[in-house]
PDB file of N, CA and C in Angstrom:
ATOM      1  N   MET A   1      95.002-124.731-111.272  1.00  0.00           N
ATOM      2  CA  MET A   1      95.857-124.262-110.217  1.00  0.00           C
ATOM      3  C   MET A   1      95.774-125.235-109.042  1.00  0.00           C
ATOM      4  N   LYS A   2      96.912-125.546-108.488  1.00  0.00           N
ATOM      5  CA  LYS A   2      96.984-126.394-107.294  1.00  0.00           C
ATOM      6  C   LYS A   2      96.942-125.493-106.049  1.00  0.00           C
ATOM      7  N   ASP A   3      96.108-125.859-105.062  1.00  0.00           N
ATOM      8  CA  ASP A   3      96.060-125.103-103.811  1.00  0.00           C
ATOM      9  C   ASP A   3      97.435-125.075-103.155  1.00  0.00           C
ATOM     10  N   LYS A   4      97.724-123.954-102.469  1.00  0.00           N
ATOM     11  CA  LYS A   4      99.005-123.809-101.759  1.00  0.00           C
ATOM     12  C   LYS A   4      98.715-123.388-100.325  1.00  0.00           C
ATOM     13  N   THR A   5      99.421-123.994 -99.385  1.00  0.00           N
ATOM     14  CA  THR A   5      99.323-123.587 -97.969  1.00  0.00           C
ATOM     15  C   THR A   5     100.701-123.662 -97.351  1.00  0.00           C
ATOM     16  N   ILE A   6     101.053-122.585 -96.627  1.00  0.00           N
ATOM     17  CA  ILE A   6     102.312-122.540 -95.888  1.00  0.00           C
ATOM     18  C   ILE A   6     102.021-121.996 -94.500  1.00  0.00           C
ATOM     19  N   ARG A   7     102.951-122.180 -93.610  1.00  0.00           N
ATOM     20  CA  ARG A   7     102.861-121.528 -92.294  1.00  0.00           C
ATOM     21  C   ARG A   7     103.761-120.314 -92.312  1.00  0.00           C
ATOM     22  N   ILE A   8     103.258-119.254 -91.690  1.00  0.00           N
ATOM     23  CA  ILE A   8     103.973-117.982 -91.678  1.00  0.00           C
ATOM     24  C   ILE A   8     103.853-117.388 -90.278  1.00  0.00           C
ATOM     25  N   LYS A   9     104.845-116.580 -89.919  1.00  0.00           N
ATOM     26  CA  LYS A   9     104.863-115.944 -88.597  1.00  0.00           C
ATOM     27  C   LYS A   9     103.775-114.890 -88.484  1.00  0.00           C
ATOM     28  N   THR A  10     103.322-114.652 -87.261  1.00  0.00           N
ATOM     29  CA  THR A  10     102.348-113.610 -86.977  1.00  0.00           C
ATOM     30  C   THR A  10     102.692-112.905 -85.690  1.00  0.00           C
ATOM     31  N   THR A  11     102.217-111.682 -85.582  1.00  0.00           N
ATOM     32  CA  THR A  11     102.404-110.915 -84.349  1.00  0.00           C
ATOM     33  C   THR A  11     101.138-110.899 -83.509  1.00  0.00           C
ATOM     34  N   ASP A  12     100.091-111.581 -83.980  1.00  0.00           N
ATOM     35  CA  ASP A  12      98.791-111.557 -83.303  1.00  0.00           C
ATOM     36  C   ASP A  12      98.419-112.926 -82.738  1.00  0.00           C
ATOM     37  N   ASN A  13      97.445-112.938 -81.858  1.00  0.00           N
ATOM     38  CA  ASN A  13      96.869-114.179 -81.337  1.00  0.00           C
ATOM     39  C   ASN A  13      95.659-114.532 -82.183  1.00  0.00           C
ATOM     40  N   TRP A  14      95.736-115.638 -82.908  1.00  0.00           N
ATOM     41  CA  TRP A  14      94.656-116.064 -83.803  1.00  0.00           C
ATOM     42  C   TRP A  14      93.783-117.130 -83.117  1.00  0.00           C
ATOM     43  N   CYS A  15      93.812-117.227 -81.827  1.00  0.00           N
ATOM     44  CA  CYS A  15      92.898-118.071 -81.017  1.00  0.00           C
ATOM     45  C   CYS A  15      92.838-119.523 -81.458  1.00  0.00           C
ATOM     46  N   SER A  16      93.744-120.243 -81.579  1.00  0.00           N
ATOM     47  CA  SER A  16      95.133-120.124 -81.197  1.00  0.00           C
ATOM     48  C   SER A  16      96.024-120.159 -82.443  1.00  0.00           C
ATOM     49  N   ASN A  17      97.310-119.953 -82.218  1.00  0.00           N
ATOM     50  CA  ASN A  17      98.298-120.026 -83.288  1.00  0.00           C
ATOM     51  C   ASN A  17      98.863-121.425 -83.391  1.00  0.00           C
ATOM     52  N   TYR A  18      99.500-121.690 -84.512  1.00  0.00           N
ATOM     53  CA  TYR A  18     100.300-122.903 -84.668  1.00  0.00           C
ATOM     54  C   TYR A  18     101.687-122.600 -84.124  1.00  0.00           C
ATOM     55  N   ASN A  19     102.286-123.559 -83.442  1.00  0.00           N
ATOM     56  CA  ASN A  19     103.651-123.400 -82.956  1.00  0.00           C
ATOM     57  C   ASN A  19     103.905-122.038 -82.316  1.00  0.00           C
ATOM     58  N   VAL A  20     103.013-121.581 -81.489  1.00  0.00           N
ATOM     59  CA  VAL A  20     103.090-120.338 -80.712  1.00  0.00           C
ATOM     60  C   VAL A  20     102.912-119.080 -81.538  1.00  0.00           C
ATOM     61  N   ASP A  21     103.609-118.933 -82.682  1.00  0.00           N
ATOM     62  CA  ASP A  21     103.543-117.662 -83.425  1.00  0.00           C
ATOM     63  C   ASP A  21     103.392-117.839 -84.925  1.00  0.00           C
ATOM     64  N   GLU A  22     102.658-118.870 -85.349  1.00  0.00           N
ATOM     65  CA  GLU A  22     102.443-119.097 -86.775  1.00  0.00           C
ATOM     66  C   GLU A  22     100.961-119.270 -87.100  1.00  0.00           C
ATOM     67  N   VAL A  23     100.613-118.892 -88.333  1.00  0.00           N
ATOM     68  CA  VAL A  23      99.283-119.112 -88.904  1.00  0.00           C
ATOM     69  C   VAL A  23      99.474-119.759 -90.266  1.00  0.00           C
ATOM     70  N   GLU A  24      98.372-120.230 -90.830  1.00  0.00           N
ATOM     71  CA  GLU A  24      98.441-120.790 -92.179  1.00  0.00           C
ATOM     72  C   GLU A  24      97.987-119.772 -93.220  1.00  0.00           C
ATOM     73  N   LEU A  25      98.802-119.577 -94.224  1.00  0.00           N
ATOM     74  CA  LEU A  25      98.515-118.724 -95.362  1.00  0.00           C
ATOM     75  C   LEU A  25      98.216-119.656 -96.536  1.00  0.00           C
ATOM     76  N   SER A  26      97.042-119.458 -97.166  1.00  0.00           N
ATOM     77  CA  SER A  26      96.635-120.352 -98.263  1.00  0.00           C
ATOM     78  C   SER A  26      96.173-119.575 -99.481  1.00  0.00           C
ATOM     79  N   LEU A  27      96.356-120.206-100.630  1.00  0.00           N
ATOM     80  CA  LEU A  27      95.770-119.779-101.884  1.00  0.00           C
ATOM     81  C   LEU A  27      94.973-120.976-102.385  1.00  0.00           C
ATOM     82  N   ILE A  28      93.663-120.792-102.494  1.00  0.00           N
ATOM     83  CA  ILE A  28      92.810-121.923-102.859  1.00  0.00           C
ATOM     84  C   ILE A  28      91.826-121.550-103.964  1.00  0.00           C
ATOM     85  N   ALA A  29      91.397-122.561-104.705  1.00  0.00           N
ATOM     86  CA  ALA A  29      90.325-122.392-105.687  1.00  0.00           C
ATOM     87  C   ALA A  29      89.010-122.651-104.962  1.00  0.00           C
ATOM     88  N   ILE A  30      88.005-121.843-105.268  1.00  0.00           N
ATOM     89  CA  ILE A  30      86.691-121.993-104.677  1.00  0.00           C
ATOM     90  C   ILE A  30      85.727-122.420-105.780  1.00  0.00           C
ATOM     91  N   GLY A  31      84.992-123.460-105.531  1.00  0.00           N
ATOM     92  CA  GLY A  31      84.029-123.921-106.505  1.00  0.00           C
ATOM     93  C   GLY A  31      84.665-124.866-107.498  1.00  0.00           C
ATOM     94  N   SER A  32      83.833-125.418-108.321  1.00  0.00           N
ATOM     95  CA  SER A  32      84.326-126.326-109.352  1.00  0.00           C
ATOM     96  C   SER A  32      83.859-125.831-110.711  1.00  0.00           C
ATOM     97  N   GLY A  33      84.292-126.491-111.714  1.00  0.00           N
ATOM     98  CA  GLY A  33      83.885-126.093-113.052  1.00  0.00           C
ATOM     99  C   GLY A  33      85.010-125.369-113.762  1.00  0.00           C
ATOM    100  N   PRO A  34      84.732-124.874-114.929  1.00  0.00           N
ATOM    101  CA  PRO A  34      85.788-124.282-115.763  1.00  0.00           C
ATOM    102  C   PRO A  34      86.279-122.932-115.263  1.00  0.00           C
ATOM    103  N   GLN A  35      85.513-122.237-114.423  1.00  0.00           N
ATOM    104  CA  GLN A  35      85.910-120.919-113.962  1.00  0.00           C
ATOM    105  C   GLN A  35      85.775-120.761-112.453  1.00  0.00           C
ATOM    106  N   PRO A  36      86.630-121.418-111.681  1.00  0.00           N
ATOM    107  CA  PRO A  36      86.544-121.276-110.233  1.00  0.00           C
ATOM    108  C   PRO A  36      86.968-119.870-109.802  1.00  0.00           C
ATOM    109  N   GLU A  37      86.536-119.467-108.641  1.00  0.00           N
ATOM    110  CA  GLU A  37      87.050-118.243-108.035  1.00  0.00           C
ATOM    111  C   GLU A  37      88.215-118.628-107.158  1.00  0.00           C
ATOM    112  N   TYR A  38      88.921-117.629-106.627  1.00  0.00           N
ATOM    113  CA  TYR A  38      90.126-117.889-105.846  1.00  0.00           C
ATOM    114  C   TYR A  38      90.080-117.134-104.543  1.00  0.00           C
ATOM    115  N   ARG A  39      90.758-117.654-103.537  1.00  0.00           N
ATOM    116  CA  ARG A  39      90.801-117.043-102.216  1.00  0.00           C
ATOM    117  C   ARG A  39      92.204-117.108-101.655  1.00  0.00           C
ATOM    118  N   VAL A  40      92.633-115.994-101.097  1.00  0.00           N
ATOM    119  CA  VAL A  40      93.845-115.959-100.271  1.00  0.00           C
ATOM    120  C   VAL A  40      93.344-115.797 -98.860  1.00  0.00           C
ATOM    121  N   CYS A  41      93.787-116.689 -97.971  1.00  0.00           N
ATOM    122  CA  CYS A  41      93.268-116.641 -96.610  1.00  0.00           C
ATOM    123  C   CYS A  41      94.358-116.956 -95.581  1.00  0.00           C
ATOM    124  N   VAL A  42      94.115-116.476 -94.382  1.00  0.00           N
ATOM    125  CA  VAL A  42      95.013-116.699 -93.253  1.00  0.00           C
ATOM    126  C   VAL A  42      94.162-117.220 -92.105  1.00  0.00           C
ATOM    127  N   TRP A  43      94.571-118.338 -91.514  1.00  0.00           N
ATOM    128  CA  TRP A  43      93.805-118.962 -90.444  1.00  0.00           C
ATOM    129  C   TRP A  43      94.734-119.364 -89.296  1.00  0.00           C
ATOM    130  N   GLY A  44      94.191-119.205 -88.080  1.00  0.00           N
ATOM    131  CA  GLY A  44      94.833-119.750 -86.914  1.00  0.00           C
ATOM    132  C   GLY A  44      94.492-121.233 -86.773  1.00  0.00           C
ATOM    133  N   ASP A  45      94.777-121.775 -85.630  1.00  0.00           N
ATOM    134  CA  ASP A  45      94.611-123.222 -85.393  1.00  0.00           C
ATOM    135  C   ASP A  45      93.195-123.601 -85.024  1.00  0.00           C
ATOM    136  N   ASP A  46      92.263-122.644 -84.990  1.00  0.00           N
ATOM    137  CA  ASP A  46      90.902-122.991 -84.628  1.00  0.00           C
ATOM    138  C   ASP A  46      89.945-122.350 -85.615  1.00  0.00           C
ATOM    139  N   ASP A  47      89.179-121.352 -85.196  1.00  0.00           N
ATOM    140  CA  ASP A  47      88.153-120.813 -86.095  1.00  0.00           C
ATOM    141  C   ASP A  47      88.275-119.323 -86.353  1.00  0.00           C
ATOM    142  N   LEU A  48      89.466-118.765 -86.241  1.00  0.00           N
ATOM    143  CA  LEU A  48      89.694-117.353 -86.540  1.00  0.00           C
ATOM    144  C   LEU A  48      90.483-117.242 -87.835  1.00  0.00           C
ATOM    145  N   GLY A  49      89.918-116.529 -88.801  1.00  0.00           N
ATOM    146  CA  GLY A  49      90.584-116.369 -90.085  1.00  0.00           C
ATOM    147  C   GLY A  49      90.193-115.078 -90.766  1.00  0.00           C
ATOM    148  N   MET A  50      90.983-114.707 -91.761  1.00  0.00           N
ATOM    149  CA  MET A  50      90.689-113.572 -92.617  1.00  0.00           C
ATOM    150  C   MET A  50      90.930-114.019 -94.053  1.00  0.00           C
ATOM    151  N   GLU A  51      90.144-113.431 -95.005  1.00  0.00           N
ATOM    152  CA  GLU A  51      90.246-113.883 -96.374  1.00  0.00           C
ATOM    153  C   GLU A  51      89.959-112.760 -97.353  1.00  0.00           C
ATOM    154  N   LYS A  52      90.446-112.960 -98.567  1.00  0.00           N
ATOM    155  CA  LYS A  52      90.177-112.034 -99.669  1.00  0.00           C
ATOM    156  C   LYS A  52      89.886-112.875-100.884  1.00  0.00           C
ATOM    157  N   ASP A  53      88.761-112.605-101.553  1.00  0.00           N
ATOM    158  CA  ASP A  53      88.329-113.396-102.691  1.00  0.00           C
ATOM    159  C   ASP A  53      88.649-112.675-103.996  1.00  0.00           C
ATOM    160  N   PHE A  54      88.848-113.493-105.045  1.00  0.00           N
ATOM    161  CA  PHE A  54      89.168-113.006-106.379  1.00  0.00           C
ATOM    162  C   PHE A  54      88.276-113.720-107.370  1.00  0.00           C
ATOM    163  N   SER A  55      87.898-113.040-108.436  1.00  0.00           N
ATOM    164  CA  SER A  55      87.051-113.623-109.469  1.00  0.00           C
ATOM    165  C   SER A  55      87.858-114.634-110.294  1.00  0.00           C
ATOM    166  N   SER A  56      87.146-115.323-111.150  1.00  0.00           N
ATOM    167  CA  SER A  56      87.773-116.328-111.994  1.00  0.00           C
ATOM    168  C   SER A  56      88.791-115.729-112.951  1.00  0.00           C
ATOM    169  N   THR A  57      88.712-114.435-113.222  1.00  0.00           N
ATOM    170  CA  THR A  57      89.674-113.797-114.113  1.00  0.00           C
ATOM    171  C   THR A  57      90.846-113.141-113.385  1.00  0.00           C
ATOM    172  N   GLU A  58      90.884-113.270-112.056  1.00  0.00           N
ATOM    173  CA  GLU A  58      91.889-112.597-111.239  1.00  0.00           C
ATOM    174  C   GLU A  58      92.912-113.566-110.592  1.00  0.00           C
ATOM    175  N   LEU A  59      93.151-114.699-111.201  1.00  0.00           N
ATOM    176  CA  LEU A  59      94.100-115.640-110.633  1.00  0.00           C
ATOM    177  C   LEU A  59      95.480-115.016-110.477  1.00  0.00           C
ATOM    178  N   LYS A  60      95.925-114.273-111.447  1.00  0.00           N
ATOM    179  CA  LYS A  60      97.251-113.656-111.371  1.00  0.00           C
ATOM    180  C   LYS A  60      97.361-112.742-110.141  1.00  0.00           C
ATOM    181  N   GLU A  61      96.331-111.951-109.901  1.00  0.00           N
ATOM    182  CA  GLU A  61      96.340-111.055-108.743  1.00  0.00           C
ATOM    183  C   GLU A  61      96.344-111.826-107.425  1.00  0.00           C
ATOM    184  N   ALA A  62      95.609-112.937-107.377  1.00  0.00           N
ATOM    185  CA  ALA A  62      95.600-113.768-106.171  1.00  0.00           C
ATOM    186  C   ALA A  62      96.990-114.366-105.918  1.00  0.00           C
ATOM    187  N   ILE A  63      97.625-114.857-106.960  1.00  0.00           N
ATOM    188  CA  ILE A  63      98.962-115.428-106.823  1.00  0.00           C
ATOM    189  C   ILE A  63      99.946-114.350-106.365  1.00  0.00           C
ATOM    190  N   LEU A  64      99.869-113.163-106.957  1.00  0.00           N
ATOM    191  CA  LEU A  64     100.785-112.079-106.555  1.00  0.00           C
ATOM    192  C   LEU A  64     100.608-111.713-105.089  1.00  0.00           C
ATOM    193  N   LEU A  65      99.368-111.664-104.592  1.00  0.00           N
ATOM    194  CA  LEU A  65      99.134-111.347-103.197  1.00  0.00           C
ATOM    195  C   LEU A  65      99.670-112.439-102.299  1.00  0.00           C
ATOM    196  N   PHE A  66      99.411-113.704-102.627  1.00  0.00           N
ATOM    197  CA  PHE A  66      99.943-114.811-101.858  1.00  0.00           C
ATOM    198  C   PHE A  66     101.470-114.733-101.770  1.00  0.00           C
ATOM    199  N   GLU A  67     102.120-114.525-102.906  1.00  0.00           N
ATOM    200  CA  GLU A  67     103.577-114.458-102.944  1.00  0.00           C
ATOM    201  C   GLU A  67     104.111-113.247-102.174  1.00  0.00           C
ATOM    202  N   LYS A  68     103.396-112.100-102.236  1.00  0.00           N
ATOM    203  CA  LYS A  68     103.805-110.919-101.483  1.00  0.00           C
ATOM    204  C   LYS A  68     103.788-111.203 -99.979  1.00  0.00           C
ATOM    205  N   LEU A  69     102.685-111.785 -99.494  1.00  0.00           N
ATOM    206  CA  LEU A  69     102.593-112.105 -98.065  1.00  0.00           C
ATOM    207  C   LEU A  69     103.647-113.127 -97.667  1.00  0.00           C
ATOM    208  N   LYS A  70     103.859-114.125 -98.496  1.00  0.00           N
ATOM    209  CA  LYS A  70     104.878-115.131 -98.249  1.00  0.00           C
ATOM    210  C   LYS A  70     106.256-114.504 -98.126  1.00  0.00           C
ATOM    211  N   SER A  71     106.572-113.557 -99.009  1.00  0.00           N
ATOM    212  CA  SER A  71     107.897-112.928 -98.990  1.00  0.00           C
ATOM    213  C   SER A  71     108.061-111.985 -97.794  1.00  0.00           C
ATOM    214  N   GLU A  72     106.950-111.433 -97.283  1.00  0.00           N
ATOM    215  CA  GLU A  72     107.032-110.578 -96.090  1.00  0.00           C
ATOM    216  C   GLU A  72     107.534-111.384 -94.903  1.00  0.00           C
ATOM    217  N   GLY A  73     107.154-112.667 -94.845  1.00  0.00           N
ATOM    218  CA  GLY A  73     107.612-113.527 -93.762  1.00  0.00           C
ATOM    219  C   GLY A  73     106.819-113.403 -92.467  1.00  0.00           C
ATOM    220  N   MET A  74     105.902-112.428 -92.395  1.00  0.00           N
ATOM    221  CA  MET A  74     105.091-112.204 -91.197  1.00  0.00           C
ATOM    222  C   MET A  74     103.827-111.485 -91.601  1.00  0.00           C
ATOM    223  N   VAL A  75     102.709-111.839 -90.937  1.00  0.00           N
ATOM    224  CA  VAL A  75     101.456-111.140 -91.182  1.00  0.00           C
ATOM    225  C   VAL A  75     100.848-110.709 -89.866  1.00  0.00           C
ATOM    226  N   SER A  76     100.038-109.665 -89.956  1.00  0.00           N
ATOM    227  CA  SER A  76      99.257-109.219 -88.799  1.00  0.00           C
ATOM    228  C   SER A  76      97.839-108.949 -89.282  1.00  0.00           C
ATOM    229  N   MET A  77      96.891-108.940 -88.357  1.00  0.00           N
ATOM    230  CA  MET A  77      95.504-108.658 -88.716  1.00  0.00           C
ATOM    231  C   MET A  77      95.378-107.248 -89.284  1.00  0.00           C
ATOM    232  N   HIS A  78      96.139-106.323 -88.737  1.00  0.00           N
ATOM    233  CA  HIS A  78      96.111-104.944 -89.215  1.00  0.00           C
ATOM    234  C   HIS A  78      96.589-104.867 -90.673  1.00  0.00           C
ATOM    235  N   MET A  79      97.681-105.543 -90.970  1.00  0.00           N
ATOM    236  CA  MET A  79      98.214-105.595 -92.337  1.00  0.00           C
ATOM    237  C   MET A  79      97.179-106.161 -93.301  1.00  0.00           C
ATOM    238  N   LEU A  80      96.543-107.257 -92.895  1.00  0.00           N
ATOM    239  CA  LEU A  80      95.549-107.883 -93.756  1.00  0.00           C
ATOM    240  C   LEU A  80      94.333-106.985 -93.970  1.00  0.00           C
ATOM    241  N   SER A  81      93.888-106.299 -92.923  1.00  0.00           N
ATOM    242  CA  SER A  81      92.782-105.363 -93.062  1.00  0.00           C
ATOM    243  C   SER A  81      93.126-104.259 -94.066  1.00  0.00           C
ATOM    244  N   ASP A  82      94.356-103.761 -94.003  1.00  0.00           N
ATOM    245  CA  ASP A  82      94.808-102.740 -94.945  1.00  0.00           C
ATOM    246  C   ASP A  82      94.790-103.258 -96.377  1.00  0.00           C
ATOM    247  N   LEU A  83      94.945-104.578 -96.559  1.00  0.00           N
ATOM    248  CA  LEU A  83      94.922-105.196 -97.891  1.00  0.00           C
ATOM    249  C   LEU A  83      93.509-105.667 -98.270  1.00  0.00           C
ATOM    250  N   GLU A  84      92.502-105.207 -97.490  1.00  0.00           N
ATOM    251  CA  GLU A  84      91.077-105.479 -97.748  1.00  0.00           C
ATOM    252  C   GLU A  84      90.656-106.942 -97.517  1.00  0.00           C
ATOM    253  N   PHE A  85      91.369-107.649 -96.628  1.00  0.00           N
ATOM    254  CA  PHE A  85      90.895-108.951 -96.170  1.00  0.00           C
ATOM    255  C   PHE A  85      89.745-108.694 -95.216  1.00  0.00           C
ATOM    256  N   VAL A  86      88.830-109.647 -95.133  1.00  0.00           N
ATOM    257  CA  VAL A  86      87.700-109.569 -94.218  1.00  0.00           C
ATOM    258  C   VAL A  86      87.726-110.748 -93.265  1.00  0.00           C
ATOM    259  N   SER A  87      87.106-110.577 -92.101  1.00  0.00           N
ATOM    260  CA  SER A  87      87.015-111.664 -91.134  1.00  0.00           C
ATOM    261  C   SER A  87      86.164-112.789 -91.718  1.00  0.00           C
ATOM    262  N   ALA A  88      86.590-114.002 -91.449  1.00  0.00           N
ATOM    263  CA  ALA A  88      85.860-115.166 -91.976  1.00  0.00           C
ATOM    264  C   ALA A  88      85.244-115.956 -90.849  1.00  0.00           C
TER     265      ALA A  88
END
């Protein structure tokens, strides 16, 4: 899997945001080897982020979550908390 990162609108202040009202939404592989784990994460322009991890067998679920958030077109910290993201 190739890592994916896009910018998406937000309603929150991520200390700081990109371009006033954007954050980065990413789907990344964690670790190396034949069975990496996966992470969907949202980060502001500094050190505030939220993330959700997936096991090596849950790549499909990670991709579906990334695509769902991408299609929403906007994220908030409250929305991410409801989806079981944790502060990073």
